[in-house]
Amino acid sequence: MRGFVVAAGLSGVAALIVIFGRHAHLHAPRLGLLAHQPLALRVHVAAAFAALAIGVILMSGPKGRLMHRILGWTWMAAMLTVAISSFLFPFVLKGHLDPLHALSAYVLMIAPMGLAAARRHDIRSHRIAMTNLFMFGLVVAGAFTFVPGRLMWRVVLG
């Protein structure tokens, strides 16, 4: 699974560069752009990167052990922070939802289902829910944040 996640991430970056190639300029991240953003957005980005790193470790490591449970709860806290903080952006508070907020709502609905499945020892349902949260709540949503003109595009590629 780890190989799939790495391949998907690299493929996503490559696809963005091919699609928007003439506008893409891979460079060291311009973290100063993030420093001047509202607190909710900075928390959102930090939690998203934490969730991505922990998610890769969870998917590639042994399951069911104490470390998986500890990292799993940490990952879930990061995912819920990502989802909730997305609704606290200043433009959202003014009533302007972005289509990506549908994925935040998805995370808020699926996360409890995945946790309940784990508590019931329904490993198959737990694995499906958590994999879907990772892929849609982080990979797909994250890919859309790298569209030209958006903040993460400017931080990494613009």
Protein backbone atom coordinates (compact mmCIF):
# COMPACT_ATOMS: atom_id res chain seq x y z
CA MET A 1 0.00 0.00 0.00
CA ARG A 2 2.88 2.38 0.80
CA GLY A 3 4.18 2.01 -2.75
CA PHE A 4 0.72 2.85 -4.08
CA VAL A 5 0.51 5.98 -1.94
CA VAL A 6 3.97 7.18 -2.99
CA ALA A 7 3.22 6.42 -6.64
CA ALA A 8 -0.12 8.21 -6.43
CA GLY A 9 1.49 11.27 -4.87
CA LEU A 10 4.30 11.45 -7.42
CA SER A 11 1.84 10.84 -10.25
CA GLY A 12 -0.34 13.65 -8.95
CA VAL A 13 2.56 16.10 -8.88
CA ALA A 14 3.68 14.97 -12.33
CA ALA A 15 0.14 15.35 -13.68
CA LEU A 16 -0.10 18.88 -12.30
CA ILE A 17 3.20 19.82 -13.90
CA VAL A 18 2.16 18.31 -17.24
CA ILE A 19 -1.31 19.89 -17.19
CA PHE A 20 -0.12 23.28 -16.02
CA GLY A 21 3.48 22.84 -17.16
CA ARG A 22 4.15 26.25 -18.57
CA HIS A 23 2.93 27.81 -15.32
CA ALA A 24 4.57 25.31 -12.91
CA HIS A 25 7.94 26.10 -11.42
CA LEU A 26 8.96 23.54 -8.79
CA HIS A 27 10.92 25.35 -6.09
CA ALA A 28 11.57 25.27 -2.37
CA PRO A 29 8.27 25.87 -0.58
CA ARG A 30 7.52 29.53 0.03
CA LEU A 31 6.48 29.09 3.64
CA GLY A 32 6.29 32.85 4.12
CA LEU A 33 3.04 32.77 2.16
CA LEU A 34 1.57 30.51 4.84
CA ALA A 35 2.87 32.63 7.69
CA HIS A 36 0.60 35.51 6.68
CA GLN A 37 -2.58 33.40 6.47
CA PRO A 38 -5.34 33.24 9.11
CA LEU A 39 -4.75 30.90 12.04
CA ALA A 40 -7.47 28.46 10.89
CA LEU A 41 -5.70 27.99 7.55
CA ARG A 42 -2.27 27.51 9.14
CA VAL A 43 -3.73 24.92 11.55
CA HIS A 44 -5.47 23.26 8.59
CA VAL A 45 -2.26 22.95 6.55
CA ALA A 46 -0.20 21.70 9.51
CA ALA A 47 -2.83 19.09 10.40
CA ALA A 48 -3.10 17.99 6.77
CA PHE A 49 0.64 17.40 6.46
CA ALA A 50 0.68 15.59 9.82
CA ALA A 51 -2.26 13.41 8.74
CA LEU A 52 -0.55 12.63 5.43
CA ALA A 53 2.69 11.54 7.11
CA ILE A 54 0.95 9.51 9.82
CA GLY A 55 -1.41 7.98 7.25
CA VAL A 56 1.47 6.68 5.15
CA ILE A 57 3.04 5.14 8.26
CA LEU A 58 -0.28 3.55 9.27
CA MET A 59 -0.91 2.08 5.83
CA SER A 60 2.57 0.63 5.55
CA GLY A 61 2.99 -0.69 9.09
CA PRO A 62 1.57 -3.65 11.00
CA LYS A 63 -2.08 -3.38 11.97
CA GLY A 64 -3.86 -4.01 15.25
CA ARG A 65 -0.89 -3.40 17.52
CA LEU A 66 -0.60 -0.72 20.17
CA MET A 67 1.44 1.59 17.92
CA HIS A 68 -1.22 1.31 15.19
CA ARG A 69 -3.89 2.28 17.70
CA ILE A 70 -1.90 5.22 19.09
CA LEU A 71 -1.03 6.52 15.62
CA GLY A 72 -4.59 5.81 14.48
CA TRP A 73 -6.08 8.05 17.17
CA THR A 74 -3.47 10.71 16.38
CA TRP A 75 -4.29 10.44 12.67
CA MET A 76 -8.00 10.70 13.40
CA ALA A 77 -7.43 13.82 15.52
CA ALA A 78 -5.42 15.35 12.66
CA MET A 79 -8.08 14.43 10.09
CA LEU A 80 -10.88 15.91 12.19
CA THR A 81 -8.76 19.04 12.72
CA VAL A 82 -8.31 19.34 8.96
CA ALA A 83 -12.04 18.94 8.33
CA ILE A 84 -13.27 21.23 11.11
CA SER A 85 -10.68 23.95 10.49
CA SER A 86 -11.72 24.13 6.82
CA PHE A 87 -15.08 25.48 7.96
CA LEU A 88 -13.35 28.23 9.97
CA PHE A 89 -11.62 29.95 7.04
CA PRO A 90 -12.62 33.64 6.85
CA PHE A 91 -14.29 33.30 3.43
CA VAL A 92 -16.32 30.33 4.69
CA LEU A 93 -17.45 32.24 7.75
CA LYS A 94 -18.78 34.86 5.32
CA GLY A 95 -20.90 32.18 3.61
CA HIS A 96 -18.66 31.26 0.65
CA LEU A 97 -18.20 27.49 0.67
CA ASP A 98 -15.68 25.96 -1.69
CA PRO A 99 -16.51 22.65 -3.44
CA LEU A 100 -13.68 21.06 -1.45
CA HIS A 101 -15.78 21.51 1.67
CA ALA A 102 -17.88 18.58 0.47
CA LEU A 103 -14.82 16.43 1.18
CA SER A 104 -14.54 17.97 4.66
CA ALA A 105 -18.17 17.02 5.28
CA TYR A 106 -17.39 13.52 3.95
CA VAL A 107 -14.55 13.20 6.49
CA LEU A 108 -16.86 14.28 9.31
CA MET A 109 -19.42 11.63 8.30
CA ILE A 110 -17.10 8.70 7.54
CA ALA A 111 -14.65 9.10 10.45
CA PRO A 112 -17.14 8.02 13.13
CA MET A 113 -18.20 5.07 10.98
CA GLY A 114 -14.59 3.90 10.63
CA LEU A 115 -13.99 4.26 14.36
CA ALA A 116 -17.20 2.38 15.18
CA ALA A 117 -16.15 -0.42 12.82
CA ALA A 118 -12.80 -0.73 14.59
CA ARG A 119 -14.51 -0.88 17.99
CA ARG A 120 -16.82 -3.65 16.66
CA HIS A 121 -13.71 -5.46 15.35
CA ASP A 122 -15.14 -5.20 11.83
CA ILE A 123 -11.70 -4.90 10.28
CA ARG A 124 -12.91 -4.94 6.67
CA SER A 125 -15.29 -1.99 7.18
CA HIS A 126 -12.66 -0.15 9.22
CA ARG A 127 -10.02 -0.63 6.52
CA ILE A 128 -12.38 0.55 3.76
CA ALA A 129 -13.49 3.62 5.73
CA MET A 130 -9.96 4.66 6.70
CA THR A 131 -8.53 4.05 3.24
CA ASN A 132 -11.33 6.12 1.72
CA LEU A 133 -10.72 8.89 4.26
CA PHE A 134 -7.04 8.89 3.36
CA MET A 135 -7.58 8.84 -0.39
CA PHE A 136 -10.50 11.29 -0.64
CA GLY A 137 -9.93 13.40 2.47
CA LEU A 138 -6.19 13.85 1.91
CA VAL A 139 -4.96 12.75 -1.52
CA VAL A 140 -7.86 13.94 -3.69
CA ALA A 141 -8.58 17.06 -1.62
CA GLY A 142 -4.86 17.80 -1.43
CA ALA A 143 -4.47 17.47 -5.20
CA PHE A 144 -7.19 20.08 -5.73
CA THR A 145 -5.34 22.53 -3.48
CA PHE A 146 -2.52 22.55 -6.04
CA VAL A 147 -4.65 24.02 -8.83
CA PRO A 148 -3.09 27.21 -10.23
CA GLY A 149 -4.11 30.29 -8.30
CA ARG A 150 -4.76 28.49 -5.02
CA LEU A 151 -2.49 29.05 -2.03
CA MET A 152 -0.72 25.68 -2.05
CA TRP A 153 0.01 26.10 -5.76
CA ARG A 154 1.73 29.39 -4.99
CA VAL A 155 3.62 27.88 -2.03
CA VAL A 156 5.02 24.91 -3.96
CA LEU A 157 4.69 25.42 -7.73
CA GLY A 158 3.80 29.03 -8.50
